[in-house]
Amino acid sequence: MTVRQNDTTALAATGDQTDKVYIQGDGNFIISGTWAGTVTFLKRRALWKSIGVQDGGDAQAAFTDSTLTKATGTAIVADELIGMWISNDDTGSVGPITDNTATVVTATQIGGTDQTWDDDETASLWQVVGAYTTNQNLTFNEADNRTDFMAVFVKSSGTAHIEISQ
C-alpha cells in the first residue's frame, strides 16, 4: 500500500505479525494508535532501487548477485550493508541485513508473498531512519524528491496508524 501526503492509513499486522506501508514524499509523519510492537521507518534513495538480480538459485534464504555493485559501479565491501534493510521487489518481503559479502546479502525476510529469493528477482536497499515503540510525531525532509519511505510494523497487539501531512 502507498500513502501520499494528507492521507492516513492503518497498519494492522496479522498472520506473521508484520505489515508495511510505502510513503511517497516529505512530510510530517504521525504514528498513533493503541499498539504494542515496533514501527521501523526506512528510506530508499533512487540509487538504492533495484540494486541487483538474484542469480544464486531458487528458494534461497540469502540474496546472491554475482555482479553486485553499488549504483556508482563500485564493488560492495564485506559487512558494509549490515544494519540496512533489503527488500525483494518482486514478492514484497523485507528484512534487516545481518551480514554481507561482495556478492551475498543475508537477511531474515518478513512479510510479502514469499520470504525466499528466486532467480531473476530484484532487490532494493533501505536505510533505517528510526525504530519506534510508542506514538511519535516525526518530520522527514529529503533534498532528493526521489526518496521513498517505508514503515514496517512488527506487532504483538493493536493497530498503528500512520498519518502524513504537509
Protein backbone atom coordinates (compact mmCIF):
# COMPACT_ATOMS: atom_id res chain seq x y z
CA MET A 1 0.00 0.00 0.00
CA THR A 2 1.25 3.50 -0.81
CA VAL A 3 0.29 6.57 1.20
CA ARG A 4 0.64 10.11 -0.10
CA GLN A 5 0.59 13.41 1.75
CA ASN A 6 -2.57 14.26 3.67
CA ASP A 7 -3.54 10.58 3.82
CA THR A 8 -3.97 8.29 6.80
CA THR A 9 -3.56 4.55 6.85
CA ALA A 10 -3.81 1.83 9.49
CA LEU A 11 -1.12 -0.78 9.88
CA ALA A 12 -2.83 -3.86 11.24
CA ALA A 13 -0.39 -6.74 11.30
CA THR A 14 -1.87 -10.22 11.11
CA GLY A 15 -0.54 -13.69 10.42
CA ASP A 16 3.24 -13.25 10.54
CA GLN A 17 2.62 -10.15 12.71
CA THR A 18 4.03 -7.70 10.16
CA ASP A 19 2.59 -5.05 7.90
CA LYS A 20 4.19 -2.28 5.86
CA VAL A 21 3.25 0.86 4.01
CA TYR A 22 5.18 2.78 1.34
CA ILE A 23 5.23 6.53 1.79
CA GLN A 24 5.99 8.97 -1.01
CA GLY A 25 7.33 12.45 -0.43
CA ASP A 26 8.46 14.55 2.50
CA GLY A 27 6.23 15.46 5.36
CA ASN A 28 5.23 15.11 8.95
CA PHE A 29 4.56 11.54 9.91
CA ILE A 30 2.42 10.77 12.93
CA ILE A 31 2.41 7.25 14.36
CA SER A 32 -0.58 6.82 16.62
CA GLY A 33 -2.97 4.19 17.85
CA THR A 34 -3.11 1.58 20.57
CA TRP A 35 -0.43 -0.94 19.81
CA ALA A 36 2.49 -2.93 21.14
CA GLY A 37 5.41 -3.59 18.84
CA THR A 38 7.89 -1.67 16.69
CA VAL A 39 7.41 0.61 13.71
CA THR A 40 10.68 0.86 11.75
CA PHE A 41 10.93 3.78 9.32
CA LEU A 42 13.14 3.13 6.31
CA LYS A 43 14.17 5.28 3.37
CA ARG A 44 15.33 4.31 -0.11
CA ARG A 45 17.04 6.75 -2.38
CA ALA A 46 16.72 6.33 -6.14
CA LEU A 47 20.27 4.90 -6.29
CA TRP A 48 19.28 2.01 -4.00
CA LYS A 49 16.30 0.85 -6.03
CA SER A 50 16.77 -2.45 -7.90
CA ILE A 51 20.44 -2.79 -6.97
CA GLY A 52 20.80 -6.37 -8.15
CA VAL A 53 19.21 -9.53 -9.54
CA GLN A 54 19.17 -12.90 -7.75
CA ASP A 55 21.31 -15.43 -9.61
CA GLY A 56 22.06 -17.89 -6.78
CA GLY A 57 19.15 -20.27 -7.39
CA ASP A 58 15.52 -20.55 -6.37
CA ALA A 59 14.10 -20.73 -2.82
CA GLN A 60 17.28 -19.29 -1.26
CA ALA A 61 17.38 -17.64 2.17
CA ALA A 62 20.15 -15.21 1.12
CA PHE A 63 20.18 -12.81 -1.82
CA THR A 64 23.03 -13.58 -4.24
CA ASP A 65 24.11 -11.50 -7.21
CA SER A 66 27.47 -12.48 -8.71
CA THR A 67 27.85 -8.97 -10.19
CA LEU A 68 26.50 -6.96 -7.24
CA THR A 69 27.77 -3.37 -7.26
CA LYS A 70 26.67 0.00 -5.98
CA ALA A 71 24.80 2.26 -8.38
CA THR A 72 28.09 4.11 -8.84
CA GLY A 73 29.65 0.90 -10.22
CA THR A 74 31.96 0.30 -7.25
CA ALA A 75 32.04 -3.06 -5.52
CA ILE A 76 30.14 -3.84 -2.33
CA VAL A 77 32.53 -4.38 0.60
CA ALA A 78 32.04 -7.19 3.13
CA ASP A 79 29.88 -6.10 6.11
CA GLU A 80 29.21 -2.69 4.52
CA LEU A 81 25.44 -3.26 4.37
CA ILE A 82 24.92 -4.55 7.92
CA GLY A 83 22.21 -2.50 9.62
CA MET A 84 20.43 -1.61 6.38
CA TRP A 85 17.34 -3.49 5.16
CA ILE A 86 16.85 -5.34 1.87
CA SER A 87 13.55 -5.72 0.06
CA ASN A 88 12.51 -8.22 -2.55
CA ASP A 89 10.94 -6.02 -5.24
CA ASP A 90 9.01 -8.97 -6.65
CA THR A 91 7.49 -10.54 -3.51
CA GLY A 92 7.32 -7.50 -1.22
CA SER A 93 9.25 -9.11 1.63
CA VAL A 94 11.78 -7.07 3.62
CA GLY A 95 14.36 -7.76 6.29
CA PRO A 96 17.26 -6.33 8.27
CA ILE A 97 20.69 -7.19 6.84
CA THR A 98 22.78 -9.16 9.32
CA ASP A 99 25.73 -9.99 7.05
CA ASN A 100 27.04 -9.41 3.55
CA THR A 101 29.95 -10.32 1.33
CA ALA A 102 30.75 -8.75 -2.03
CA THR A 103 28.01 -10.87 -3.66
CA VAL A 104 25.73 -12.29 -0.91
CA VAL A 105 23.35 -10.41 1.39
CA THR A 106 21.90 -12.20 4.43
CA ALA A 107 18.63 -11.04 6.00
CA THR A 108 15.65 -12.78 7.54
CA GLN A 109 12.77 -11.68 5.32
CA ILE A 110 9.32 -10.88 6.72
CA GLY A 111 6.02 -10.08 5.06
CA GLY A 112 5.35 -10.23 1.34
CA THR A 113 4.13 -13.25 -0.55
CA ASP A 114 7.35 -15.27 -0.12
CA GLN A 115 10.34 -14.91 2.19
CA THR A 116 12.93 -16.58 -0.05
CA TRP A 117 14.80 -15.45 -3.16
CA ASP A 118 14.27 -16.95 -6.62
CA ASP A 119 16.39 -16.35 -9.69
CA ASP A 120 15.65 -13.09 -11.54
CA GLU A 121 14.04 -11.36 -8.53
CA THR A 122 15.39 -7.86 -7.86
CA ALA A 123 16.45 -6.29 -4.58
CA SER A 124 16.46 -2.76 -3.17
CA LEU A 125 18.33 -1.36 -0.18
CA TRP A 126 16.75 0.70 2.60
CA GLN A 127 18.42 2.79 5.31
CA VAL A 128 16.91 2.81 8.82
CA VAL A 129 15.63 6.25 9.77
CA GLY A 130 14.43 5.11 13.20
CA ALA A 131 12.59 2.42 15.14
CA TYR A 132 9.72 3.44 17.41
CA THR A 133 7.79 1.62 20.12
CA THR A 134 5.48 4.46 21.16
CA ASN A 135 3.30 7.02 19.42
CA GLN A 136 5.54 9.60 17.69
CA ASN A 137 5.43 12.80 15.68
CA LEU A 138 8.24 12.69 13.10
CA THR A 139 9.38 15.05 10.36
CA PHE A 140 11.50 13.90 7.43
CA ASN A 141 12.75 16.26 4.76
CA GLU A 142 14.84 14.94 1.89
CA ALA A 143 16.63 17.06 -0.68
CA ASP A 144 16.16 14.29 -3.25
CA ASN A 145 12.45 14.07 -4.09
CA ARG A 146 13.01 10.57 -5.45
CA THR A 147 13.42 9.24 -1.91
CA ASP A 148 10.81 6.71 -0.83
CA PHE A 149 9.96 5.85 2.76
CA MET A 150 8.57 2.63 4.18
CA ALA A 151 7.09 1.95 7.60
CA VAL A 152 7.39 -1.68 8.73
CA PHE A 153 5.18 -2.61 11.68
CA VAL A 154 6.09 -5.71 13.70
CA LYS A 155 3.50 -6.04 16.42
CA SER A 156 2.30 -8.10 19.28
CA SER A 157 -1.10 -6.40 19.55
CA GLY A 158 -3.21 -3.48 18.40
CA THR A 159 -3.21 -1.23 15.35
CA ALA A 160 -0.83 1.59 14.46
CA HIS A 161 -1.95 4.46 12.26
CA ILE A 162 0.39 6.41 10.00
CA GLU A 163 -0.76 9.92 9.09
CA ILE A 164 1.13 12.13 6.69
CA SER A 165 0.66 15.87 6.41
CA GLN A 166 2.48 18.75 4.74
